[in-house]
PDB file of N, CA and C in Angstrom:
ATOM      1  N   MET A   1      56.500  46.986 204.817  1.00  0.00           N
ATOM      2  CA  MET A   1      57.434  46.999 203.551  1.00  0.00           C
ATOM      3  C   MET A   1      58.503  45.747 202.883  1.00  0.00           C
ATOM      4  N   ASP A   2      57.630  44.470 203.280  1.00  0.00           N
ATOM      5  CA  ASP A   2      58.024  43.509 202.775  1.00  0.00           C
ATOM      6  C   ASP A   2      58.283  43.612 201.544  1.00  0.00           C
ATOM      7  N   PHE A   3      56.818  44.635 200.656  1.00  0.00           N
ATOM      8  CA  PHE A   3      57.213  44.779 199.200  1.00  0.00           C
ATOM      9  C   PHE A   3      57.919  45.194 198.988  1.00  0.00           C
ATOM     10  N   LEU A   4      58.991  46.045 199.232  1.00  0.00           N
ATOM     11  CA  LEU A   4      59.735  46.944 199.152  1.00  0.00           C
ATOM     12  C   LEU A   4      61.226  45.988 198.377  1.00  0.00           C
ATOM     13  N   ILE A   5      61.192  45.145 199.237  1.00  0.00           N
ATOM     14  CA  ILE A   5      62.043  43.689 199.331  1.00  0.00           C
ATOM     15  C   ILE A   5      62.041  43.205 198.499  1.00  0.00           C
ATOM     16  N   TRP A   6      61.231  42.956 198.495  1.00  0.00           N
ATOM     17  CA  TRP A   6      60.507  41.881 197.217  1.00  0.00           C
ATOM     18  C   TRP A   6      61.163  42.786 195.940  1.00  0.00           C
ATOM     19  N   VAL A   7      60.108  43.620 195.768  1.00  0.00           N
ATOM     20  CA  VAL A   7      60.694  44.884 194.469  1.00  0.00           C
ATOM     21  C   VAL A   7      61.990  44.366 193.939  1.00  0.00           C
ATOM     22  N   GLY A   8      63.279  45.024 195.824  1.00  0.00           N
ATOM     23  CA  GLY A   8      64.245  45.346 194.971  1.00  0.00           C
ATOM     24  C   GLY A   8      64.995  43.955 195.111  1.00  0.00           C
ATOM     25  N   ALA A   9      64.597  42.847 195.684  1.00  0.00           N
ATOM     26  CA  ALA A   9      65.235  41.306 195.089  1.00  0.00           C
ATOM     27  C   ALA A   9      64.710  41.464 193.597  1.00  0.00           C
ATOM     28  N   VAL A  10      64.030  41.417 192.954  1.00  0.00           N
ATOM     29  CA  VAL A  10      63.944  41.263 192.012  1.00  0.00           C
ATOM     30  C   VAL A  10      64.482  42.340 190.342  1.00  0.00           C
ATOM     31  N   VAL A  11      64.565  43.608 191.089  1.00  0.00           N
ATOM     32  CA  VAL A  11      65.465  44.603 190.177  1.00  0.00           C
ATOM     33  C   VAL A  11      67.088  44.287 190.446  1.00  0.00           C
ATOM     34  N   SER A  12      67.069  43.608 191.305  1.00  0.00           N
ATOM     35  CA  SER A  12      68.838  43.492 191.603  1.00  0.00           C
ATOM     36  C   SER A  12      69.098  42.255 190.735  1.00  0.00           C
ATOM     37  N   PHE A  13      67.765  41.782 190.793  1.00  0.00           N
ATOM     38  CA  PHE A  13      68.229  39.428 190.151  1.00  0.00           C
ATOM     39  C   PHE A  13      68.155  40.179 189.025  1.00  0.00           C
ATOM     40  N   SER A  14      66.856  40.924 188.173  1.00  0.00           N
ATOM     41  CA  SER A  14      67.217  41.346 186.658  1.00  0.00           C
ATOM     42  C   SER A  14      69.069  42.228 186.019  1.00  0.00           C
ATOM     43  N   GLY A  15      68.994  42.630 187.016  1.00  0.00           N
ATOM     44  CA  GLY A  15      70.634  43.350 186.745  1.00  0.00           C
ATOM     45  C   GLY A  15      71.515  42.374 186.878  1.00  0.00           C
ATOM     46  N   LEU A  16      71.425  41.103 187.912  1.00  0.00           N
ATOM     47  CA  LEU A  16      72.989  40.407 188.014  1.00  0.00           C
ATOM     48  C   LEU A  16      72.506  39.442 186.425  1.00  0.00           C
ATOM     49  N   VAL A  17      71.055  38.885 186.058  1.00  0.00           N
ATOM     50  CA  VAL A  17      71.004  38.483 184.632  1.00  0.00           C
ATOM     51  C   VAL A  17      71.744  39.016 183.402  1.00  0.00           C
ATOM     52  N   GLY A  18      70.849  40.447 183.856  1.00  0.00           N
ATOM     53  CA  GLY A  18      71.863  41.170 182.518  1.00  0.00           C
ATOM     54  C   GLY A  18      73.480  41.065 182.756  1.00  0.00           C
ATOM     55  N   LEU A  19      74.055  41.364 183.792  1.00  0.00           N
ATOM     56  CA  LEU A  19      75.786  41.083 183.729  1.00  0.00           C
ATOM     57  C   LEU A  19      76.043  39.802 183.657  1.00  0.00           C
ATOM     58  N   ILE A  20      75.066  39.026 183.732  1.00  0.00           N
ATOM     59  CA  ILE A  20      75.802  37.258 183.204  1.00  0.00           C
ATOM     60  C   ILE A  20      75.740  37.443 181.763  1.00  0.00           C
ATOM     61  N   TRP A  21      74.733  37.767 180.922  1.00  0.00           N
ATOM     62  CA  TRP A  21      74.286  37.797 179.414  1.00  0.00           C
ATOM     63  C   TRP A  21      75.395  38.992 179.337  1.00  0.00           C
ATOM     64  N   CYS A  22      76.127  39.677 179.889  1.00  0.00           N
ATOM     65  CA  CYS A  22      76.881  40.541 179.070  1.00  0.00           C
ATOM     66  C   CYS A  22      78.376  39.960 179.252  1.00  0.00           C
ATOM     67  N   ILE A  23      78.450  38.597 180.194  1.00  0.00           N
ATOM     68  CA  ILE A  23      79.955  38.213 179.915  1.00  0.00           C
ATOM     69  C   ILE A  23      79.458  37.273 179.659  1.00  0.00           C
ATOM     70  N   ILE A  24      78.589  36.489 178.882  1.00  0.00           N
ATOM     71  CA  ILE A  24      78.111  35.932 177.831  1.00  0.00           C
ATOM     72  C   ILE A  24      78.807  35.727 176.597  1.00  0.00           C
ATOM     73  N   LYS A  25      77.989  37.480 175.677  1.00  0.00           N
ATOM     74  CA  LYS A  25      78.677  38.068 174.714  1.00  0.00           C
ATOM     75  C   LYS A  25      79.802  38.482 175.253  1.00  0.00           C
ATOM     76  N   ALA A  26      80.203  38.841 175.766  1.00  0.00           N
ATOM     77  CA  ALA A  26      82.182  39.160 175.132  1.00  0.00           C
ATOM     78  C   ALA A  26      82.283  38.253 175.316  1.00  0.00           C
ATOM     79  N   ARG A  27      82.612  37.070 176.125  1.00  0.00           N
ATOM     80  CA  ARG A  27      82.988  35.920 175.368  1.00  0.00           C
ATOM     81  C   ARG A  27      82.865  35.537 174.141  1.00  0.00           C
ATOM     82  N   GLN A  28      81.695  35.224 173.727  1.00  0.00           N
ATOM     83  CA  GLN A  28      81.264  34.995 172.529  1.00  0.00           C
ATOM     84  C   GLN A  28      82.048  35.894 171.190  1.00  0.00           C
ATOM     85  N   ALA A  29      82.287  37.383 171.844  1.00  0.00           N
ATOM     86  CA  ALA A  29      83.182  38.146 170.871  1.00  0.00           C
ATOM     87  C   ALA A  29      84.018  37.922 170.639  1.00  0.00           C
ATOM     88  N   LYS A  30      85.181  37.487 171.936  1.00  0.00           N
ATOM     89  CA  LYS A  30      86.429  36.738 172.097  1.00  0.00           C
ATOM     90  C   LYS A  30      86.848  36.330 171.295  1.00  0.00           C
ATOM     91  N   ASN A  31      86.355  34.973 170.728  1.00  0.00           N
ATOM     92  CA  ASN A  31      85.781  33.876 170.721  1.00  0.00           C
ATOM     93  C   ASN A  31      85.505  34.085 169.239  1.00  0.00           C
ATOM     94  N   ALA A  32      84.770  35.063 168.599  1.00  0.00           N
ATOM     95  CA  ALA A  32      84.702  35.465 167.292  1.00  0.00           C
ATOM     96  C   ALA A  32      85.439  36.470 166.686  1.00  0.00           C
ATOM     97  N   ALA A  33      85.945  37.525 167.260  1.00  0.00           N
ATOM     98  CA  ALA A  33      86.733  38.394 166.890  1.00  0.00           C
ATOM     99  C   ALA A  33      88.162  37.956 165.681  1.00  0.00           C
ATOM    100  N   SER A  34      88.460  37.877 165.107  1.00  0.00           N
ATOM    101  CA  SER A  34      89.760  37.963 164.068  1.00  0.00           C
ATOM    102  C   SER A  34      90.626  39.101 164.579  1.00  0.00           C
ATOM    103  N   SER A  35      89.854  39.981 164.759  1.00  0.00           N
ATOM    104  CA  SER A  35      90.754  41.278 165.209  1.00  0.00           C
ATOM    105  C   SER A  35      91.012  42.428 165.897  1.00  0.00           C
ATOM    106  N   ASP A  36      91.866  43.392 166.680  1.00  0.00           N
ATOM    107  CA  ASP A  36      91.696  43.684 167.547  1.00  0.00           C
ATOM    108  C   ASP A  36      90.283  44.636 167.282  1.00  0.00           C
ATOM    109  N   GLU A  37      90.003  44.756 166.210  1.00  0.00           N
ATOM    110  CA  GLU A  37      89.158  46.359 166.178  1.00  0.00           C
ATOM    111  C   GLU A  37      88.062  45.463 166.002  1.00  0.00           C
ATOM    112  N   GLU A  38      87.531  44.684 165.522  1.00  0.00           N
ATOM    113  CA  GLU A  38      85.943  43.980 165.444  1.00  0.00           C
ATOM    114  C   GLU A  38      86.181  43.313 167.438  1.00  0.00           C
ATOM    115  N   LEU A  39      86.894  43.199 168.082  1.00  0.00           N
ATOM    116  CA  LEU A  39      87.190  43.376 168.813  1.00  0.00           C
ATOM    117  C   LEU A  39      86.274  44.275 170.450  1.00  0.00           C
ATOM    118  N   ASN A  40      87.157  45.482 169.706  1.00  0.00           N
ATOM    119  CA  ASN A  40      87.039  46.333 170.317  1.00  0.00           C
ATOM    120  C   ASN A  40      86.059  46.830 169.866  1.00  0.00           C
ATOM    121  N   ALA A  41      84.953  46.763 168.438  1.00  0.00           N
ATOM    122  CA  ALA A  41      83.600  47.555 168.454  1.00  0.00           C
ATOM    123  C   ALA A  41      82.662  46.004 168.721  1.00  0.00           C
ATOM    124  N   ALA A  42      82.843  44.631 169.140  1.00  0.00           N
ATOM    125  CA  ALA A  42      81.889  43.951 169.945  1.00  0.00           C
ATOM    126  C   ALA A  42      81.479  44.710 171.577  1.00  0.00           C
ATOM    127  N   ILE A  43      82.691  44.895 171.835  1.00  0.00           N
ATOM    128  CA  ILE A  43      83.131  45.400 173.456  1.00  0.00           C
ATOM    129  C   ILE A  43      81.787  46.779 173.677  1.00  0.00           C
ATOM    130  N   ARG A  44      82.293  47.654 172.983  1.00  0.00           N
ATOM    131  CA  ARG A  44      82.248  49.233 172.775  1.00  0.00           C
ATOM    132  C   ARG A  44      80.019  49.159 173.036  1.00  0.00           C
ATOM    133  N   THR A  45      79.940  47.535 171.593  1.00  0.00           N
ATOM    134  CA  THR A  45      78.337  47.900 172.076  1.00  0.00           C
ATOM    135  C   THR A  45      77.775  47.082 173.447  1.00  0.00           C
ATOM    136  N   LEU A  46      78.812  46.545 173.944  1.00  0.00           N
ATOM    137  CA  LEU A  46      78.246  46.077 175.548  1.00  0.00           C
ATOM    138  C   LEU A  46      78.125  46.772 176.699  1.00  0.00           C
ATOM    139  N   ILE A  47      79.347  47.723 176.412  1.00  0.00           N
ATOM    140  CA  ILE A  47      79.430  49.349 177.255  1.00  0.00           C
ATOM    141  C   ILE A  47      78.360  49.534 178.070  1.00  0.00           C
ATOM    142  N   PRO A  48      76.827  49.870 177.410  1.00  0.00           N
ATOM    143  CA  PRO A  48      76.196  50.753 178.073  1.00  0.00           C
ATOM    144  C   PRO A  48      75.257  49.262 178.128  1.00  0.00           C
ATOM    145  N   TRP A  49      75.251  48.650 177.990  1.00  0.00           N
ATOM    146  CA  TRP A  49      74.316  46.964 178.406  1.00  0.00           C
ATOM    147  C   TRP A  49      74.869  47.005 179.917  1.00  0.00           C
ATOM    148  N   ASN A  50      76.440  46.806 180.078  1.00  0.00           N
ATOM    149  CA  ASN A  50      76.764  46.652 181.296  1.00  0.00           C
ATOM    150  C   ASN A  50      76.451  47.437 182.377  1.00  0.00           C
ATOM    151  N   MET A  51      76.386  49.031 181.652  1.00  0.00           N
ATOM    152  CA  MET A  51      76.703  49.595 183.049  1.00  0.00           C
ATOM    153  C   MET A  51      74.827  49.373 182.731  1.00  0.00           C
ATOM    154  N   GLY A  52      74.399  49.673 182.171  1.00  0.00           N
ATOM    155  CA  GLY A  52      73.224  49.368 182.534  1.00  0.00           C
ATOM    156  C   GLY A  52      72.312  48.364 183.727  1.00  0.00           C
ATOM    157  N   ALA A  53      72.614  46.777 183.206  1.00  0.00           N
ATOM    158  CA  ALA A  53      72.808  45.448 184.215  1.00  0.00           C
ATOM    159  C   ALA A  53      73.909  46.203 185.328  1.00  0.00           C
ATOM    160  N   LEU A  54      74.493  47.013 185.662  1.00  0.00           N
ATOM    161  CA  LEU A  54      75.142  46.953 186.889  1.00  0.00           C
ATOM    162  C   LEU A  54      74.002  48.579 187.659  1.00  0.00           C
ATOM    163  N   PHE A  55      74.034  49.024 186.940  1.00  0.00           N
ATOM    164  CA  PHE A  55      72.418  50.417 187.819  1.00  0.00           C
ATOM    165  C   PHE A  55      71.366  49.236 187.970  1.00  0.00           C
ATOM    166  N   LEU A  56      71.096  48.538 187.903  1.00  0.00           N
ATOM    167  CA  LEU A  56      69.752  47.660 187.717  1.00  0.00           C
ATOM    168  C   LEU A  56      70.171  46.950 188.654  1.00  0.00           C
ATOM    169  N   SER A  57      71.358  46.519 189.209  1.00  0.00           N
ATOM    170  CA  SER A  57      71.443  45.976 190.650  1.00  0.00           C
ATOM    171  C   SER A  57      71.394  46.404 191.770  1.00  0.00           C
ATOM    172  N   THR A  58      72.515  47.872 191.125  1.00  0.00           N
ATOM    173  CA  THR A  58      72.856  48.808 192.221  1.00  0.00           C
ATOM    174  C   THR A  58      71.435  49.642 192.800  1.00  0.00           C
ATOM    175  N   THR A  59      70.301  49.553 191.741  1.00  0.00           N
ATOM    176  CA  THR A  59      69.487  50.063 192.044  1.00  0.00           C
ATOM    177  C   THR A  59      68.670  49.424 193.566  1.00  0.00           C
ATOM    178  N   GLY A  60      68.359  48.222 192.852  1.00  0.00           N
ATOM    179  CA  GLY A  60      68.191  46.943 194.030  1.00  0.00           C
ATOM    180  C   GLY A  60      68.460  46.640 194.757  1.00  0.00           C
ATOM    181  N   LEU A  61      69.593  46.594 194.970  1.00  0.00           N
ATOM    182  CA  LEU A  61      69.973  46.622 196.851  1.00  0.00           C
ATOM    183  C   LEU A  61      70.042  47.982 197.101  1.00  0.00           C
ATOM    184  N   MET A  62      69.199  49.234 196.407  1.00  0.00           N
ATOM    185  CA  MET A  62      69.356  50.236 197.495  1.00  0.00           C
ATOM    186  C   MET A  62      68.148  50.210 198.171  1.00  0.00           C
ATOM    187  N   ILE A  63      67.051  49.317 196.773  1.00  0.00           N
ATOM    188  CA  ILE A  63      65.197  48.935 197.253  1.00  0.00           C
ATOM    189  C   ILE A  63      65.479  48.252 198.375  1.00  0.00           C
ATOM    190  N   VAL A  64      66.169  47.680 198.273  1.00  0.00           N
ATOM    191  CA  VAL A  64      66.301  46.088 199.452  1.00  0.00           C
ATOM    192  C   VAL A  64      66.799  47.021 200.665  1.00  0.00           C
ATOM    193  N   ILE A  65      67.934  47.484 201.106  1.00  0.00           N
ATOM    194  CA  ILE A  65      68.104  48.434 202.071  1.00  0.00           C
ATOM    195  C   ILE A  65      66.818  49.086 202.515  1.00  0.00           C
ATOM    196  N   VAL A  66      66.546  50.001 201.776  1.00  0.00           N
ATOM    197  CA  VAL A  66      65.458  51.322 201.952  1.00  0.00           C
ATOM    198  C   VAL A  66      64.355  50.099 202.957  1.00  0.00           C
ATOM    199  N   GLY A  67      64.053  48.993 202.240  1.00  0.00           N
ATOM    200  CA  GLY A  67      62.801  48.260 202.860  1.00  0.00           C
ATOM    201  C   GLY A  67      63.166  47.776 203.737  1.00  0.00           C
ATOM    202  N   ILE A  68      64.382  47.492 204.692  1.00  0.00           N
ATOM    203  CA  ILE A  68      64.704  47.333 205.614  1.00  0.00           C
ATOM    204  C   ILE A  68      64.668  47.599 206.625  1.00  0.00           C
ATOM    205  N   PHE A  69      65.127  49.242 206.326  1.00  0.00           N
ATOM    206  CA  PHE A  69      64.977  50.098 207.139  1.00  0.00           C
ATOM    207  C   PHE A  69      63.530  50.741 207.408  1.00  0.00           C
ATOM    208  N   LEU A  70      63.333  50.301 206.509  1.00  0.00           N
ATOM    209  CA  LEU A  70      61.084  50.943 207.040  1.00  0.00           C
ATOM    210  C   LEU A  70      60.694  49.926 207.768  1.00  0.00           C
ATOM    211  N   GLN A  71      61.415  48.707 207.693  1.00  0.00           N
ATOM    212  CA  GLN A  71      60.376  47.947 208.373  1.00  0.00           C
ATOM    213  C   GLN A  71      60.789  47.821 210.122  1.00  0.00           C
TER     214      GLN A  71
END
């Protein structure tokens, strides 16, 4: 079941990379926005990406736990 652990680690790491990307994009949007409406519009486009990255990270951790239990 080492395969499941490694697959879960890769999936979790990709989710972590996605979260870091969302943080960088949110900071860029905050610095570039001249009004609250622009900032809200930019953040609204990032919310689905953020949720997807959280989902990947959580799913990866669940796969790792399943791999550990099945060893």
